[in-house]
C-alpha atoms as a PDB file:
ATOM      1  CA  MET A   1     107.069 109.131  93.477  1.00  0.00           C
ATOM      2  CA  THR A   2     104.029 106.873  93.393  1.00  0.00           C
ATOM      3  CA  PRO A   3     102.314 105.453  90.293  1.00  0.00           C
ATOM      4  CA  PHE A   4      99.363 107.805  90.883  1.00  0.00           C
ATOM      5  CA  GLY A   5     101.673 110.786  91.407  1.00  0.00           C
ATOM      6  CA  GLN A   6     103.515 110.001  88.189  1.00  0.00           C
ATOM      7  CA  ALA A   7     100.233 109.721  86.265  1.00  0.00           C
ATOM      8  CA  LEU A   8      98.967 112.985  87.772  1.00  0.00           C
ATOM      9  CA  ARG A   9     102.127 114.835  86.802  1.00  0.00           C
ATOM     10  CA  ARG A  10     102.005 113.390  83.272  1.00  0.00           C
ATOM     11  CA  LEU A  11      98.354 114.411  82.834  1.00  0.00           C
ATOM     12  CA  ARG A  12      99.089 117.945  84.007  1.00  0.00           C
ATOM     13  CA  ALA A  13     102.107 118.253  81.702  1.00  0.00           C
ATOM     14  CA  GLU A  14     100.214 116.905  78.679  1.00  0.00           C
ATOM     15  CA  ARG A  15      97.491 119.499  79.179  1.00  0.00           C
ATOM     16  CA  GLY A  16      99.762 122.363  80.201  1.00  0.00           C
ATOM     17  CA  ILE A  17      98.140 122.829  83.616  1.00  0.00           C
ATOM     18  CA  SER A  18     100.134 124.139  86.574  1.00  0.00           C
ATOM     19  CA  GLN A  19      99.912 122.635  90.041  1.00  0.00           C
ATOM     20  CA  ARG A  20      98.402 125.891  91.286  1.00  0.00           C
ATOM     21  CA  GLU A  21      95.653 125.849  88.634  1.00  0.00           C
ATOM     22  CA  MET A  22      94.802 122.234  89.330  1.00  0.00           C
ATOM     23  CA  ALA A  23      94.932 122.676  93.092  1.00  0.00           C
ATOM     24  CA  THR A  24      92.522 125.614  92.893  1.00  0.00           C
ATOM     25  CA  ALA A  25      90.118 123.639  90.687  1.00  0.00           C
ATOM     26  CA  LEU A  26      90.214 120.623  93.037  1.00  0.00           C
ATOM     27  CA  ASP A  27      89.983 122.750  96.197  1.00  0.00           C
ATOM     28  CA  VAL A  28      93.279 121.515  97.650  1.00  0.00           C
ATOM     29  CA  SER A  29      96.520 123.341  98.328  1.00  0.00           C
ATOM     30  CA  PRO A  30      99.344 123.332  95.772  1.00  0.00           C
ATOM     31  CA  ALA A  31     101.536 121.894  98.545  1.00  0.00           C
ATOM     32  CA  TYR A  32      99.183 118.907  98.902  1.00  0.00           C
ATOM     33  CA  LEU A  33      99.213 118.302  95.152  1.00  0.00           C
ATOM     34  CA  SER A  34     103.008 118.524  95.067  1.00  0.00           C
ATOM     35  CA  ALA A  35     103.344 116.127  98.005  1.00  0.00           C
ATOM     36  CA  LEU A  36     100.916 113.703  96.353  1.00  0.00           C
ATOM     37  CA  GLU A  37     102.866 113.804  93.089  1.00  0.00           C
ATOM     38  CA  HIS A  38     106.189 113.249  94.880  1.00  0.00           C
ATOM     39  CA  GLY A  39     104.962 110.389  97.074  1.00  0.00           C
ATOM     40  CA  ARG A  40     105.158 112.307 100.329  1.00  0.00           C
ATOM     41  CA  ARG A  41     101.425 111.868 100.990  1.00  0.00           C
ATOM     42  CA  GLY A  42      99.449 108.695 101.481  1.00  0.00           C
ATOM     43  CA  ARG A  43      97.208 107.063  98.944  1.00  0.00           C
ATOM     44  CA  PRO A  44      94.611 109.512  97.598  1.00  0.00           C
ATOM     45  CA  SER A  45      91.019 109.009  98.661  1.00  0.00           C
ATOM     46  CA  TRP A  46      88.432 107.623  96.285  1.00  0.00           C
ATOM     47  CA  ALA A  47      86.625 110.973  96.332  1.00  0.00           C
ATOM     48  CA  PHE A  48      89.778 112.891  95.404  1.00  0.00           C
ATOM     49  CA  THR A  49      90.540 110.410  92.624  1.00  0.00           C
ATOM     50  CA  GLN A  50      87.035 110.960  91.247  1.00  0.00           C
ATOM     51  CA  ARG A  51      87.587 114.738  91.291  1.00  0.00           C
ATOM     52  CA  VAL A  52      90.819 114.264  89.330  1.00  0.00           C
ATOM     53  CA  ILE A  53      89.013 112.035  86.811  1.00  0.00           C
ATOM     54  CA  ALA A  54      86.301 114.676  86.376  1.00  0.00           C
ATOM     55  CA  PHE A  55      88.836 117.522  86.185  1.00  0.00           C
ATOM     56  CA  PHE A  56      90.661 115.855  83.304  1.00  0.00           C
ATOM     57  CA  ASN A  57      87.427 114.501  81.792  1.00  0.00           C
ATOM     58  CA  ILE A  58      88.853 110.980  81.795  1.00  0.00           C
ATOM     59  CA  ILE A  59      86.508 108.177  80.781  1.00  0.00           C
ATOM     60  CA  TRP A  60      86.220 104.386  80.674  1.00  0.00           C
ATOM     61  CA  ASP A  61      89.449 102.410  80.713  1.00  0.00           C
ATOM     62  CA  ASP A  62      91.610 105.441  81.462  1.00  0.00           C
ATOM     63  CA  ALA A  63      89.459 106.284  84.493  1.00  0.00           C
ATOM     64  CA  GLU A  64      89.662 102.701  85.750  1.00  0.00           C
ATOM     65  CA  ARG A  65      93.427 102.716  85.246  1.00  0.00           C
ATOM     66  CA  LEU A  66      93.776 105.913  87.298  1.00  0.00           C
ATOM     67  CA  GLU A  67      91.604 104.402  90.053  1.00  0.00           C
ATOM     68  CA  ARG A  68      93.841 101.287  90.102  1.00  0.00           C
ATOM     69  CA  LEU A  69      96.961 103.451  90.257  1.00  0.00           C
ATOM     70  CA  ALA A  70      95.493 105.384  93.187  1.00  0.00           C
ATOM     71  CA  ALA A  71      94.701 102.135  95.003  1.00  0.00           C
ATOM     72  CA  ILE A  72      98.313 100.912  94.761  1.00  0.00           C
ATOM     73  CA  SER A  73      99.997 104.243  95.479  1.00  0.00           C
ATOM     74  CA  ASP A  74     100.511 104.201  99.211  1.00  0.00           C
ATOM     75  CA  PRO A  75     104.140 105.222  99.744  1.00  0.00           C
ATOM     76  CA  ARG A  76     104.125 103.724 103.253  1.00  0.00           C
ATOM     77  CA  VAL A  77     103.641 100.011 102.697  1.00  0.00           C
ATOM     78  CA  VAL A  78     103.305  97.700 105.698  1.00  0.00           C
ATOM     79  CA  VAL A  79     104.128  94.023 105.350  1.00  0.00           C
ATOM     80  CA  ASP A  80     102.623  92.011 108.193  1.00  0.00           C
ATOM     81  CA  THR A  81     104.624  88.806 108.628  1.00  0.00           C
ATOM     82  CA  ARG A  82     103.140  87.864 112.019  1.00  0.00           C
ATOM     83  CA  ASP A  83     101.749  84.513 110.883  1.00  0.00           C
ATOM     84  CA  LEU A  84     104.408  83.825 108.272  1.00  0.00           C
ATOM     85  CA  SER A  85     107.714  81.988 108.404  1.00  0.00           C
ATOM     86  CA  VAL A  86     110.998  83.324 109.718  1.00  0.00           C
ATOM     87  CA  GLU A  87     112.202  83.387 106.104  1.00  0.00           C
ATOM     88  CA  ALA A  88     109.299  85.638 105.099  1.00  0.00           C
ATOM     89  CA  THR A  89     110.103  88.040 107.930  1.00  0.00           C
ATOM     90  CA  LEU A  90     113.782  88.099 107.010  1.00  0.00           C
ATOM     91  CA  PHE A  91     112.974  88.722 103.351  1.00  0.00           C
ATOM     92  CA  ALA A  92     110.495  91.535 104.105  1.00  0.00           C
ATOM     93  CA  ASN A  93     112.987  93.244 106.396  1.00  0.00           C
ATOM     94  CA  ARG A  94     115.813  92.870 103.906  1.00  0.00           C
ATOM     95  CA  LEU A  95     113.694  94.311 101.120  1.00  0.00           C
ATOM     96  CA  ALA A  96     112.764  97.277 103.329  1.00  0.00           C
ATOM     97  CA  ARG A  97     116.469  97.941 103.975  1.00  0.00           C
ATOM     98  CA  VAL A  98     117.716  97.679 100.381  1.00  0.00           C
ATOM     99  CA  ILE A  99     114.876  98.775  98.098  1.00  0.00           C
ATOM    100  CA  ALA A 100     116.222 102.340  97.903  1.00  0.00           C
ATOM    101  CA  ASP A 101     119.507 100.963  96.528  1.00  0.00           C
ATOM    102  CA  LEU A 102     117.848  99.216  93.567  1.00  0.00           C
ATOM    103  CA  ASP A 103     117.598 100.891  90.184  1.00  0.00           C
ATOM    104  CA  ALA A 104     114.773 100.261  87.705  1.00  0.00           C
ATOM    105  CA  ALA A 105     116.548  97.246  86.175  1.00  0.00           C
ATOM    106  CA  GLY A 106     117.134  95.730  89.618  1.00  0.00           C
ATOM    107  CA  LEU A 107     113.483  96.224  90.555  1.00  0.00           C
ATOM    108  CA  ASP A 108     112.394  94.629  87.260  1.00  0.00           C
ATOM    109  CA  ASP A 109     114.691  91.662  87.946  1.00  0.00           C
ATOM    110  CA  LEU A 110     113.287  91.240  91.450  1.00  0.00           C
ATOM    111  CA  ASP A 111     109.722  91.503  90.133  1.00  0.00           C
ATOM    112  CA  ALA A 112     110.445  88.798  87.539  1.00  0.00           C
ATOM    113  CA  ALA A 113     112.041  86.598  90.214  1.00  0.00           C
ATOM    114  CA  LEU A 114     108.920  86.982  92.378  1.00  0.00           C
ATOM    115  CA  ASP A 115     106.729  85.985  89.426  1.00  0.00           C
ATOM    116  CA  THR A 116     108.883  82.883  88.877  1.00  0.00           C
ATOM    117  CA  ALA A 117     108.766  81.944  92.571  1.00  0.00           C
ATOM    118  CA  LEU A 118     104.991  82.410  92.674  1.00  0.00           C
ATOM    119  CA  GLU A 119     104.593  80.273  89.549  1.00  0.00           C
ATOM    120  CA  LYS A 120     106.601  77.506  91.196  1.00  0.00           C
ATOM    121  CA  ALA A 121     104.422  77.824  94.289  1.00  0.00           C
ATOM    122  CA  GLY A 122     101.322  77.459  92.117  1.00  0.00           C
ATOM    123  CA  ALA A 123      99.973  80.947  92.741  1.00  0.00           C
ATOM    124  CA  SER A 124      97.346  82.100  90.280  1.00  0.00           C
ATOM    125  CA  LEU A 125      98.025  84.851  87.755  1.00  0.00           C
ATOM    126  CA  ALA A 126      95.540  87.035  89.667  1.00  0.00           C
ATOM    127  CA  THR A 127      97.644  86.679  92.816  1.00  0.00           C
ATOM    128  CA  ARG A 128     100.834  87.466  90.952  1.00  0.00           C
ATOM    129  CA  ARG A 129      99.612  90.459  88.965  1.00  0.00           C
ATOM    130  CA  GLY A 130      96.392  91.457  90.706  1.00  0.00           C
ATOM    131  CA  ALA A 131      97.589  94.692  92.278  1.00  0.00           C
ATOM    132  CA  ARG A 132      99.444  96.046  89.279  1.00  0.00           C
END
């Protein structure tokens, strides 16, 4: 599941709306909506995200939050290490192999370790937390 998919499912549940009802209102198939919620589809388009925002009548900060979640919800992430060190390539490949084996606590630990490493490297807070 992606962050956007999780938010979409939560919004539907809070308002008691079925996938079929929402899909009809947004002019997409229920299968597409299900795949989007489960992370089996790519990042939603800006236009689709705007239709979701309008459908739920979401405003201001909540609308911006949903847009940010959509922007970081591509389930097929590519890490290009072409111009990076051998260590960066090894780390990216290792992460790709083992990420499915990590539970929420393990992912939180790894996220905290990355923050610590970036702090030591002098990365700005925007670099460390910008995409979240």
